[in-house]
Amino acid sequence: MEAGGVGLALQTRAAGFGTGRRRGGLQSPIGSLRVADPAGATVAVRARGSKPVAPLRAKKSSGGHENLHNSVDEALLLKRKSEEVLFYLNGRCIYLVGMMGSGKSTVGKIMSEVLGYSFFDSDKLVEQAVGMPSVAQIFKVHSEAFFRDNESSVLRDLSSMRRLVVATGGGAVIRPVNWKYMKKGLSVWLDVPLDALARRIAKVGTASRPLLDQPSGDPYTMAFSKLSMLAEQRGDAYANADVRVSLEEIASKQGRDDVSKLTPTDIAIESLHKIESFVIEHATDNAAGDTQAESQVQRIQTL
């Protein structure tokens, strides 16, 4: 059963949201605040929102002028693609799914910045709603099931809002009800090779990742083993996403053999490309279906 009324505490100031007053609403033992979006929907919230993302700026690195030029080109391409995608999105939320360590938060912040959307990390919202500093502590003090209940409540509340980019937890995909909420927007799967994930996680440590944290053993080997098991369990669930962004495919297009050389902006640009293709394709399908239905009605009327 979902944790009733666990909300997201935000005072939304990003594009598409007013500064609405707090109102009464859903009650829960944890408590909640209210935020009204422009459409008038009131959403229970407990998080304080996300920190503003620094604007994209080209920085001169040790690579000199060439790297500076590439950074400018990359930023301009990202901005241009975001402007094209905005037309088709029509305010729909974007949910990023994928394994832990796949870069959902980093890529999500870039996408939200260029789209003029608000960014939220569902794990952070659960931590703030429950009043604990980390997912690991929630697992330890309560249970994974308790965390999942609150995670579903967070996604439920977010799904009634618009113009959001949401980085979901790695396991959010395992509950069918979460897909019900995410399908109100567009879901994007960041598909990262397991060896790259294991290297990334082993480098920063597993203490903050309760499903990976091990008391002993080689960090890379332990991380790769556990990630492989999780990938097998969740592979079909991730495939439910509207869009799949494969880092191996991006690297191949760039002539690279190592996905770790990709920048978050590379991944954000490819995500926007894939989103645009998806919405255009489905808009065409819907238009064809509407035309067919209209023709059938006209034939019936002439009988």
C-alpha atoms as a PDB file:
ATOM      1  CA  MET A   1       0.000   0.000   0.000  1.00  0.00           C
ATOM      2  CA  GLU A   2       1.303   3.452  -0.826  1.00  0.00           C
ATOM      3  CA  ALA A   3       2.274   5.813   1.937  1.00  0.00           C
ATOM      4  CA  GLY A   4      -0.682   8.149   2.030  1.00  0.00           C
ATOM      5  CA  GLY A   5      -0.164  11.762   1.190  1.00  0.00           C
ATOM      6  CA  VAL A   6       3.621  11.867   1.314  1.00  0.00           C
ATOM      7  CA  GLY A   7       4.284  14.946  -0.730  1.00  0.00           C
ATOM      8  CA  LEU A   8       6.983  16.999  -2.183  1.00  0.00           C
ATOM      9  CA  ALA A   9       7.593  20.350  -0.326  1.00  0.00           C
ATOM     10  CA  LEU A  10       8.366  22.871  -3.026  1.00  0.00           C
ATOM     11  CA  GLN A  11       7.662  26.446  -3.739  1.00  0.00           C
ATOM     12  CA  THR A  12       7.937  26.286  -7.508  1.00  0.00           C
ATOM     13  CA  ARG A  13       9.301  29.310  -9.254  1.00  0.00           C
ATOM     14  CA  ALA A  14      10.457  27.748 -12.506  1.00  0.00           C
ATOM     15  CA  ALA A  15       8.882  28.378 -15.876  1.00  0.00           C
ATOM     16  CA  GLY A  16       5.289  27.331 -16.039  1.00  0.00           C
ATOM     17  CA  PHE A  17       4.607  27.654 -12.310  1.00  0.00           C
ATOM     18  CA  GLY A  18       3.190  30.491 -10.283  1.00  0.00           C
ATOM     19  CA  THR A  19       4.167  31.448  -6.779  1.00  0.00           C
ATOM     20  CA  GLY A  20       0.831  30.228  -5.464  1.00  0.00           C
ATOM     21  CA  ARG A  21      -0.150  30.360  -1.804  1.00  0.00           C
ATOM     22  CA  ARG A  22      -0.043  27.323   0.447  1.00  0.00           C
ATOM     23  CA  ARG A  23      -3.369  25.623   0.852  1.00  0.00           C
ATOM     24  CA  GLY A  24      -4.777  22.845   2.966  1.00  0.00           C
ATOM     25  CA  GLY A  25      -4.976  19.400   1.428  1.00  0.00           C
ATOM     26  CA  LEU A  26      -3.837  15.823   1.803  1.00  0.00           C
ATOM     27  CA  GLN A  27      -2.899  14.887   5.342  1.00  0.00           C
ATOM     28  CA  SER A  28      -0.293  12.390   6.429  1.00  0.00           C
ATOM     29  CA  PRO A  29       1.603  11.554   9.618  1.00  0.00           C
ATOM     30  CA  ILE A  30       4.693  13.003   7.998  1.00  0.00           C
ATOM     31  CA  GLY A  31       2.957  16.246   7.081  1.00  0.00           C
ATOM     32  CA  SER A  32       2.945  18.135   3.808  1.00  0.00           C
ATOM     33  CA  LEU A  33       2.791  21.534   2.185  1.00  0.00           C
ATOM     34  CA  ARG A  34       0.762  22.544  -0.847  1.00  0.00           C
ATOM     35  CA  VAL A  35       1.748  24.011  -4.167  1.00  0.00           C
ATOM     36  CA  ALA A  36      -0.663  25.163  -6.841  1.00  0.00           C
ATOM     37  CA  ASP A  37       0.348  24.910 -10.481  1.00  0.00           C
ATOM     38  CA  PRO A  38      -1.038  27.208 -13.208  1.00  0.00           C
ATOM     39  CA  ALA A  39      -3.780  24.758 -14.110  1.00  0.00           C
ATOM     40  CA  GLY A  40      -5.086  24.977 -10.560  1.00  0.00           C
ATOM     41  CA  ALA A  41      -4.028  21.529  -9.415  1.00  0.00           C
ATOM     42  CA  THR A  42      -2.851  21.459  -5.811  1.00  0.00           C
ATOM     43  CA  VAL A  43      -0.008  19.078  -5.079  1.00  0.00           C
ATOM     44  CA  ALA A  44       1.207  17.859  -1.694  1.00  0.00           C
ATOM     45  CA  VAL A  45       4.882  18.553  -1.368  1.00  0.00           C
ATOM     46  CA  ARG A  46       7.575  18.193   1.237  1.00  0.00           C
ATOM     47  CA  ALA A  47      10.839  18.914  -0.546  1.00  0.00           C
ATOM     48  CA  ARG A  48      12.316  22.367  -0.867  1.00  0.00           C
ATOM     49  CA  GLY A  49      12.913  22.084  -4.574  1.00  0.00           C
ATOM     50  CA  SER A  50      16.161  21.811  -6.414  1.00  0.00           C
ATOM     51  CA  LYS A  51      19.148  24.071  -6.391  1.00  0.00           C
ATOM     52  CA  PRO A  52      19.394  26.282  -9.460  1.00  0.00           C
ATOM     53  CA  VAL A  53      21.541  24.822 -12.187  1.00  0.00           C
ATOM     54  CA  ALA A  54      24.419  26.935 -13.368  1.00  0.00           C
ATOM     55  CA  PRO A  55      23.919  28.143 -16.946  1.00  0.00           C
ATOM     56  CA  LEU A  56      25.912  26.409 -19.620  1.00  0.00           C
ATOM     57  CA  ARG A  57      29.118  28.284 -20.304  1.00  0.00           C
ATOM     58  CA  ALA A  58      32.067  27.388 -22.448  1.00  0.00           C
ATOM     59  CA  LYS A  59      35.176  27.008 -20.322  1.00  0.00           C
ATOM     60  CA  LYS A  60      38.692  27.095 -21.624  1.00  0.00           C
ATOM     61  CA  SER A  61      40.483  23.974 -20.474  1.00  0.00           C
ATOM     62  CA  SER A  62      44.001  22.663 -20.914  1.00  0.00           C
ATOM     63  CA  GLY A  63      42.957  21.656 -24.437  1.00  0.00           C
ATOM     64  CA  GLY A  64      43.073  25.310 -25.451  1.00  0.00           C
ATOM     65  CA  HIS A  65      41.127  26.997 -28.231  1.00  0.00           C
ATOM     66  CA  GLU A  66      39.855  23.772 -29.832  1.00  0.00           C
ATOM     67  CA  ASN A  67      38.176  22.620 -26.621  1.00  0.00           C
ATOM     68  CA  LEU A  68      36.683  26.070 -26.129  1.00  0.00           C
ATOM     69  CA  HIS A  69      35.294  25.998 -29.673  1.00  0.00           C
ATOM     70  CA  ASN A  70      33.838  22.512 -29.146  1.00  0.00           C
ATOM     71  CA  SER A  71      32.211  23.579 -25.877  1.00  0.00           C
ATOM     72  CA  VAL A  72      30.547  26.540 -27.568  1.00  0.00           C
ATOM     73  CA  ASP A  73      29.302  24.357 -30.438  1.00  0.00           C
ATOM     74  CA  GLU A  74      27.988  21.782 -27.973  1.00  0.00           C
ATOM     75  CA  ALA A  75      26.126  24.399 -25.919  1.00  0.00           C
ATOM     76  CA  LEU A  76      24.584  25.981 -29.017  1.00  0.00           C
ATOM     77  CA  LEU A  77      23.480  22.596 -30.350  1.00  0.00           C
ATOM     78  CA  LEU A  78      21.909  21.741 -27.003  1.00  0.00           C
ATOM     79  CA  LYS A  79      20.032  25.035 -26.872  1.00  0.00           C
ATOM     80  CA  ARG A  80      18.790  24.770 -30.459  1.00  0.00           C
ATOM     81  CA  LYS A  81      17.567  21.222 -29.958  1.00  0.00           C
ATOM     82  CA  SER A  82      15.778  22.143 -26.731  1.00  0.00           C
ATOM     83  CA  GLU A  83      13.885  24.923 -28.531  1.00  0.00           C
ATOM     84  CA  GLU A  84      12.732  22.445 -31.177  1.00  0.00           C
ATOM     85  CA  VAL A  85      11.656  19.869 -28.602  1.00  0.00           C
ATOM     86  CA  LEU A  86       9.705  22.367 -26.484  1.00  0.00           C
ATOM     87  CA  PHE A  87       7.148  22.794 -29.248  1.00  0.00           C
ATOM     88  CA  TYR A  88       6.306  19.105 -29.192  1.00  0.00           C
ATOM     89  CA  LEU A  89       6.474  18.580 -25.426  1.00  0.00           C
ATOM     90  CA  ASN A  90       3.574  20.924 -24.719  1.00  0.00           C
ATOM     91  CA  GLY A  91       4.502  21.080 -21.042  1.00  0.00           C
ATOM     92  CA  ARG A  92       4.708  17.333 -20.480  1.00  0.00           C
ATOM     93  CA  CYS A  93       7.077  16.132 -17.752  1.00  0.00           C
ATOM     94  CA  ILE A  94      10.186  14.088 -18.517  1.00  0.00           C
ATOM     95  CA  TYR A  95      11.095  11.151 -16.255  1.00  0.00           C
ATOM     96  CA  LEU A  96      14.632   9.787 -16.443  1.00  0.00           C
ATOM     97  CA  VAL A  97      14.997   6.123 -15.517  1.00  0.00           C
ATOM     98  CA  GLY A  98      18.013   3.856 -15.390  1.00  0.00           C
ATOM     99  CA  MET A  99      20.410   2.037 -13.126  1.00  0.00           C
ATOM    100  CA  MET A 100      21.999   3.768 -10.163  1.00  0.00           C
ATOM    101  CA  GLY A 101      24.997   5.790 -11.263  1.00  0.00           C
ATOM    102  CA  SER A 102      23.723   6.228 -14.821  1.00  0.00           C
ATOM    103  CA  GLY A 103      23.843  10.016 -14.588  1.00  0.00           C
ATOM    104  CA  LYS A 104      20.119  10.740 -14.367  1.00  0.00           C
ATOM    105  CA  SER A 105      20.515  13.701 -12.025  1.00  0.00           C
ATOM    106  CA  THR A 106      23.415  15.262 -13.908  1.00  0.00           C
ATOM    107  CA  VAL A 107      21.759  14.922 -17.316  1.00  0.00           C
ATOM    108  CA  GLY A 108      18.371  15.879 -15.894  1.00  0.00           C
ATOM    109  CA  LYS A 109      19.684  19.184 -14.531  1.00  0.00           C
ATOM    110  CA  ILE A 110      21.136  20.086 -17.932  1.00  0.00           C
ATOM    111  CA  MET A 111      17.879  19.238 -19.700  1.00  0.00           C
ATOM    112  CA  SER A 112      15.759  21.180 -17.222  1.00  0.00           C
ATOM    113  CA  GLU A 113      17.997  24.232 -17.589  1.00  0.00           C
ATOM    114  CA  VAL A 114      17.749  24.430 -21.380  1.00  0.00           C
ATOM    115  CA  LEU A 115      14.034  23.561 -21.459  1.00  0.00           C
ATOM    116  CA  GLY A 116      13.118  26.062 -18.763  1.00  0.00           C
ATOM    117  CA  TYR A 117      11.721  23.217 -16.643  1.00  0.00           C
ATOM    118  CA  SER A 118      12.079  22.548 -12.910  1.00  0.00           C
ATOM    119  CA  PHE A 119      14.313  19.649 -11.866  1.00  0.00           C
ATOM    120  CA  PHE A 120      13.636  17.146  -9.085  1.00  0.00           C
ATOM    121  CA  ASP A 121      15.420  14.049  -7.842  1.00  0.00           C
ATOM    122  CA  SER A 122      12.805  11.638  -6.487  1.00  0.00           C
ATOM    123  CA  ASP A 123      15.274  10.091  -4.005  1.00  0.00           C
ATOM    124  CA  LYS A 124      15.994  13.519  -2.514  1.00  0.00           C
ATOM    125  CA  LEU A 125      12.282  14.260  -2.242  1.00  0.00           C
ATOM    126  CA  VAL A 126      11.685  11.013  -0.329  1.00  0.00           C
ATOM    127  CA  GLU A 127      14.591  11.800   2.010  1.00  0.00           C
ATOM    128  CA  GLN A 128      13.119  15.224   2.758  1.00  0.00           C
ATOM    129  CA  ALA A 129       9.577  13.886   3.129  1.00  0.00           C
ATOM    130  CA  VAL A 130      10.669  11.197   5.585  1.00  0.00           C
ATOM    131  CA  GLY A 131      13.110  13.499   7.349  1.00  0.00           C
ATOM    132  CA  MET A 132      16.234  11.394   6.885  1.00  0.00           C
ATOM    133  CA  PRO A 133      19.520  12.390   5.248  1.00  0.00           C
ATOM    134  CA  SER A 134      19.913   9.448   2.873  1.00  0.00           C
ATOM    135  CA  VAL A 135      18.199   6.561   1.144  1.00  0.00           C
ATOM    136  CA  ALA A 136      20.690   4.246   2.840  1.00  0.00           C
ATOM    137  CA  GLN A 137      19.475   5.355   6.263  1.00  0.00           C
ATOM    138  CA  ILE A 138      15.825   4.946   5.247  1.00  0.00           C
ATOM    139  CA  PHE A 139      16.575   1.365   4.200  1.00  0.00           C
ATOM    140  CA  LYS A 140      18.419   0.721   7.476  1.00  0.00           C
ATOM    141  CA  VAL A 141      15.933   2.302   9.894  1.00  0.00           C
ATOM    142  CA  HIS A 142      12.757   1.296   8.095  1.00  0.00           C
ATOM    143  CA  SER A 143      12.932  -0.993   5.054  1.00  0.00           C
ATOM    144  CA  GLU A 144      13.141  -1.004   1.283  1.00  0.00           C
ATOM    145  CA  ALA A 145       9.354  -1.482   1.138  1.00  0.00           C
ATOM    146  CA  PHE A 146       8.846   1.655   3.251  1.00  0.00           C
ATOM    147  CA  PHE A 147      11.085   3.603   0.886  1.00  0.00           C
ATOM    148  CA  ARG A 148       9.241   2.260  -2.182  1.00  0.00           C
ATOM    149  CA  ASP A 149       5.868   3.271  -0.725  1.00  0.00           C
ATOM    150  CA  ASN A 150       7.083   6.824  -0.234  1.00  0.00           C
ATOM    151  CA  GLU A 151       8.747   6.834  -3.640  1.00  0.00           C
ATOM    152  CA  SER A 152       5.419   5.956  -5.273  1.00  0.00           C
ATOM    153  CA  SER A 153       3.689   8.755  -3.372  1.00  0.00           C
ATOM    154  CA  VAL A 154       6.316  11.232  -4.548  1.00  0.00           C
ATOM    155  CA  LEU A 155       5.883  10.161  -8.181  1.00  0.00           C
ATOM    156  CA  ARG A 156       2.103  10.347  -7.822  1.00  0.00           C
ATOM    157  CA  ASP A 157       2.304  13.948  -6.655  1.00  0.00           C
ATOM    158  CA  LEU A 158       4.802  14.925  -9.339  1.00  0.00           C
ATOM    159  CA  SER A 159       2.662  13.361 -12.067  1.00  0.00           C
ATOM    160  CA  SER A 160      -0.095  15.924 -11.499  1.00  0.00           C
ATOM    161  CA  MET A 161       2.308  18.754 -12.328  1.00  0.00           C
ATOM    162  CA  ARG A 162       3.795  19.999 -15.596  1.00  0.00           C
ATOM    163  CA  ARG A 163       7.132  21.213 -16.949  1.00  0.00           C
ATOM    164  CA  LEU A 164       9.336  19.028 -14.758  1.00  0.00           C
ATOM    165  CA  VAL A 165      12.405  16.896 -15.400  1.00  0.00           C
ATOM    166  CA  VAL A 166      12.481  14.140 -12.785  1.00  0.00           C
ATOM    167  CA  ALA A 167      15.457  11.885 -12.039  1.00  0.00           C
ATOM    168  CA  THR A 168      13.960   8.713 -10.574  1.00  0.00           C
ATOM    169  CA  GLY A 169      15.645   6.160  -8.329  1.00  0.00           C
ATOM    170  CA  GLY A 170      17.150   3.093  -9.978  1.00  0.00           C
ATOM    171  CA  GLY A 171      14.413   0.821  -8.626  1.00  0.00           C
ATOM    172  CA  ALA A 172      11.419   3.059  -9.357  1.00  0.00           C
ATOM    173  CA  VAL A 173      10.653   1.016 -12.467  1.00  0.00           C
ATOM    174  CA  ILE A 174       9.848  -2.185 -10.562  1.00  0.00           C
ATOM    175  CA  ARG A 175       6.414  -1.022  -9.376  1.00  0.00           C
ATOM    176  CA  PRO A 176       3.726  -0.972 -12.094  1.00  0.00           C
ATOM    177  CA  VAL A 177       1.912   1.897 -10.361  1.00  0.00           C
ATOM    178  CA  ASN A 178       4.972   4.092 -10.881  1.00  0.00           C
ATOM    179  CA  TRP A 179       4.688   3.563 -14.620  1.00  0.00           C
ATOM    180  CA  LYS A 180       1.072   4.708 -14.390  1.00  0.00           C
ATOM    181  CA  TYR A 181       2.349   8.013 -13.028  1.00  0.00           C
ATOM    182  CA  MET A 182       5.326   8.349 -15.368  1.00  0.00           C
ATOM    183  CA  LYS A 183       3.250   7.590 -18.464  1.00  0.00           C
ATOM    184  CA  LYS A 184       1.467  10.900 -17.896  1.00  0.00           C
ATOM    185  CA  GLY A 185       4.690  12.398 -19.218  1.00  0.00           C
ATOM    186  CA  LEU A 186       7.588  11.004 -21.247  1.00  0.00           C
ATOM    187  CA  SER A 187      10.035   8.462 -19.850  1.00  0.00           C
ATOM    188  CA  VAL A 188      13.674   8.248 -20.955  1.00  0.00           C
ATOM    189  CA  TRP A 189      15.935   5.295 -20.164  1.00  0.00           C
ATOM    190  CA  LEU A 190      19.635   6.126 -19.846  1.00  0.00           C
ATOM    191  CA  ASP A 191      21.185   2.793 -20.807  1.00  0.00           C
ATOM    192  CA  VAL A 192      24.787   2.623 -19.587  1.00  0.00           C
ATOM    193  CA  PRO A 193      27.050  -0.464 -19.962  1.00  0.00           C
ATOM    194  CA  LEU A 194      27.414  -2.293 -16.651  1.00  0.00           C
ATOM    195  CA  ASP A 195      31.209  -2.201 -16.637  1.00  0.00           C
ATOM    196  CA  ALA A 196      31.142   1.583 -16.976  1.00  0.00           C
ATOM    197  CA  LEU A 197      28.616   1.819 -14.144  1.00  0.00           C
ATOM    198  CA  ALA A 198      30.687  -0.455 -11.917  1.00  0.00           C
ATOM    199  CA  ARG A 199      33.836   1.612 -12.530  1.00  0.00           C
ATOM    200  CA  ARG A 200      31.986   4.837 -11.788  1.00  0.00           C
ATOM    201  CA  ILE A 201      30.396   3.513  -8.584  1.00  0.00           C
ATOM    202  CA  ALA A 202      33.578   1.827  -7.341  1.00  0.00           C
ATOM    203  CA  LYS A 203      35.419   5.123  -7.748  1.00  0.00           C
ATOM    204  CA  VAL A 204      33.008   7.136  -5.566  1.00  0.00           C
ATOM    205  CA  GLY A 205      32.080   4.338  -3.143  1.00  0.00           C
ATOM    206  CA  THR A 206      28.903   2.440  -2.345  1.00  0.00           C
ATOM    207  CA  ALA A 207      28.035   3.798   1.109  1.00  0.00           C
ATOM    208  CA  SER A 208      25.178   5.885  -0.285  1.00  0.00           C
ATOM    209  CA  ARG A 209      23.788   2.978  -2.337  1.00  0.00           C
ATOM    210  CA  PRO A 210      22.193   0.461   0.056  1.00  0.00           C
ATOM    211  CA  LEU A 211      21.637  -2.213  -2.581  1.00  0.00           C
ATOM    212  CA  LEU A 212      25.331  -2.210  -3.483  1.00  0.00           C
ATOM    213  CA  ASP A 213      27.079  -1.548  -0.197  1.00  0.00           C
ATOM    214  CA  GLN A 214      29.252  -4.506   0.809  1.00  0.00           C
ATOM    215  CA  PRO A 215      31.400  -4.890   3.939  1.00  0.00           C
ATOM    216  CA  SER A 216      34.420  -6.219   2.079  1.00  0.00           C
ATOM    217  CA  GLY A 217      35.770  -7.249  -1.301  1.00  0.00           C
ATOM    218  CA  ASP A 218      37.068  -5.483  -4.395  1.00  0.00           C
ATOM    219  CA  PRO A 219      34.719  -2.509  -5.012  1.00  0.00           C
ATOM    220  CA  TYR A 220      34.577  -2.938  -8.791  1.00  0.00           C
ATOM    221  CA  THR A 221      34.001  -6.713  -8.675  1.00  0.00           C
ATOM    222  CA  MET A 222      31.314  -6.438  -6.021  1.00  0.00           C
ATOM    223  CA  ALA A 223      29.587  -3.553  -7.791  1.00  0.00           C
ATOM    224  CA  PHE A 224      29.649  -5.307 -11.167  1.00  0.00           C
ATOM    225  CA  SER A 225      28.243  -8.515  -9.698  1.00  0.00           C
ATOM    226  CA  LYS A 226      25.369  -6.755  -7.945  1.00  0.00           C
ATOM    227  CA  LEU A 227      24.622  -4.492 -10.903  1.00  0.00           C
ATOM    228  CA  SER A 228      24.452  -7.524 -13.190  1.00  0.00           C
ATOM    229  CA  MET A 229      21.871  -9.137 -10.926  1.00  0.00           C
ATOM    230  CA  LEU A 230      19.807  -5.925 -10.732  1.00  0.00           C
ATOM    231  CA  ALA A 231      19.995  -5.447 -14.496  1.00  0.00           C
ATOM    232  CA  GLU A 232      18.656  -8.933 -15.055  1.00  0.00           C
ATOM    233  CA  GLN A 233      15.769  -8.262 -12.678  1.00  0.00           C
ATOM    234  CA  ARG A 234      14.928  -4.832 -14.057  1.00  0.00           C
ATOM    235  CA  GLY A 235      15.855  -5.065 -17.736  1.00  0.00           C
ATOM    236  CA  ASP A 236      12.316  -5.604 -18.974  1.00  0.00           C
ATOM    237  CA  ALA A 237      11.036  -2.825 -16.718  1.00  0.00           C
ATOM    238  CA  TYR A 238      13.494  -0.268 -18.082  1.00  0.00           C
ATOM    239  CA  ALA A 239      12.412  -1.251 -21.584  1.00  0.00           C
ATOM    240  CA  ASN A 240       8.947   0.161 -20.804  1.00  0.00           C
ATOM    241  CA  ALA A 241      10.388   3.652 -21.226  1.00  0.00           C
ATOM    242  CA  ASP A 242       9.180   5.681 -24.179  1.00  0.00           C
ATOM    243  CA  VAL A 243      12.750   6.460 -25.217  1.00  0.00           C
ATOM    244  CA  ARG A 244      16.013   4.535 -24.858  1.00  0.00           C
ATOM    245  CA  VAL A 245      19.267   6.477 -24.894  1.00  0.00           C
ATOM    246  CA  SER A 246      22.183   4.081 -25.336  1.00  0.00           C
ATOM    247  CA  LEU A 247      25.554   5.495 -24.336  1.00  0.00           C
ATOM    248  CA  GLU A 248      27.248   2.848 -26.474  1.00  0.00           C
ATOM    249  CA  GLU A 249      25.376   4.145 -29.518  1.00  0.00           C
ATOM    250  CA  ILE A 250      26.352   7.740 -28.765  1.00  0.00           C
ATOM    251  CA  ALA A 251      29.999   6.735 -28.359  1.00  0.00           C
ATOM    252  CA  SER A 252      29.874   4.797 -31.622  1.00  0.00           C
ATOM    253  CA  LYS A 253      28.515   7.819 -33.500  1.00  0.00           C
ATOM    254  CA  GLN A 254      31.424   9.870 -32.181  1.00  0.00           C
ATOM    255  CA  GLY A 255      33.977   7.210 -33.039  1.00  0.00           C
ATOM    256  CA  ARG A 256      34.757   6.504 -29.398  1.00  0.00           C
ATOM    257  CA  ASP A 257      35.256   3.101 -27.788  1.00  0.00           C
ATOM    258  CA  ASP A 258      34.789   4.270 -24.190  1.00  0.00           C
ATOM    259  CA  VAL A 259      31.484   5.718 -22.968  1.00  0.00           C
ATOM    260  CA  SER A 260      33.274   7.378 -20.057  1.00  0.00           C
ATOM    261  CA  LYS A 261      34.604   9.925 -22.557  1.00  0.00           C
ATOM    262  CA  LEU A 262      31.082  11.181 -23.233  1.00  0.00           C
ATOM    263  CA  THR A 263      30.020  14.407 -21.565  1.00  0.00           C
ATOM    264  CA  PRO A 264      26.653  14.861 -19.811  1.00  0.00           C
ATOM    265  CA  THR A 265      25.839  17.388 -22.541  1.00  0.00           C
ATOM    266  CA  ASP A 266      26.408  14.702 -25.209  1.00  0.00           C
ATOM    267  CA  ILE A 267      23.867  12.532 -23.428  1.00  0.00           C
ATOM    268  CA  ALA A 268      21.407  15.396 -22.937  1.00  0.00           C
ATOM    269  CA  ILE A 269      21.530  16.283 -26.647  1.00  0.00           C
ATOM    270  CA  GLU A 270      20.919  12.660 -27.665  1.00  0.00           C
ATOM    271  CA  SER A 271      18.042  12.442 -25.160  1.00  0.00           C
ATOM    272  CA  LEU A 272      16.383  15.489 -26.696  1.00  0.00           C
ATOM    273  CA  HIS A 273      16.863  14.048 -30.188  1.00  0.00           C
ATOM    274  CA  LYS A 274      15.202  10.803 -29.135  1.00  0.00           C
ATOM    275  CA  ILE A 275      12.353  12.612 -27.368  1.00  0.00           C
ATOM    276  CA  GLU A 276      11.703  14.716 -30.468  1.00  0.00           C
ATOM    277  CA  SER A 277      11.599  11.644 -32.719  1.00  0.00           C
ATOM    278  CA  PHE A 278       9.241   9.867 -30.331  1.00  0.00           C
ATOM    279  CA  VAL A 279       6.723  12.687 -30.002  1.00  0.00           C
ATOM    280  CA  ILE A 280       6.728  13.428 -33.748  1.00  0.00           C
ATOM    281  CA  GLU A 281       6.164   9.772 -34.581  1.00  0.00           C
ATOM    282  CA  HIS A 282       3.308   9.412 -32.115  1.00  0.00           C
ATOM    283  CA  ALA A 283       1.747  12.722 -33.109  1.00  0.00           C
ATOM    284  CA  THR A 284       1.660  11.413 -36.691  1.00  0.00           C
ATOM    285  CA  ASP A 285       0.130   8.120 -35.543  1.00  0.00           C
ATOM    286  CA  ASN A 286      -2.524   9.943 -33.519  1.00  0.00           C
ATOM    287  CA  ALA A 287      -3.337  12.252 -36.419  1.00  0.00           C
ATOM    288  CA  ALA A 288      -3.724   9.270 -38.752  1.00  0.00           C
ATOM    289  CA  GLY A 289      -5.998   7.576 -36.232  1.00  0.00           C
ATOM    290  CA  ASP A 290      -8.130  10.711 -35.891  1.00  0.00           C
ATOM    291  CA  THR A 291      -8.442  11.014 -39.685  1.00  0.00           C
ATOM    292  CA  GLN A 292      -9.486   7.386 -39.989  1.00  0.00           C
ATOM    293  CA  ALA A 293     -12.085   7.772 -37.241  1.00  0.00           C
ATOM    294  CA  GLU A 294     -13.466  10.919 -38.891  1.00  0.00           C
ATOM    295  CA  SER A 295     -13.782   9.119 -42.231  1.00  0.00           C
ATOM    296  CA  GLN A 296     -15.681   6.282 -40.556  1.00  0.00           C
ATOM    297  CA  VAL A 297     -18.103   8.755 -38.973  1.00  0.00           C
ATOM    298  CA  GLN A 298     -18.693  10.440 -42.326  1.00  0.00           C
ATOM    299  CA  ARG A 299     -19.425   7.101 -44.010  1.00  0.00           C
ATOM    300  CA  ILE A 300     -21.902   6.207 -41.281  1.00  0.00           C
ATOM    301  CA  GLN A 301     -23.649   9.562 -41.647  1.00  0.00           C
ATOM    302  CA  THR A 302     -24.150   9.004 -45.400  1.00  0.00           C
ATOM    303  CA  LEU A 303     -25.831   5.631 -44.915  1.00  0.00           C
END
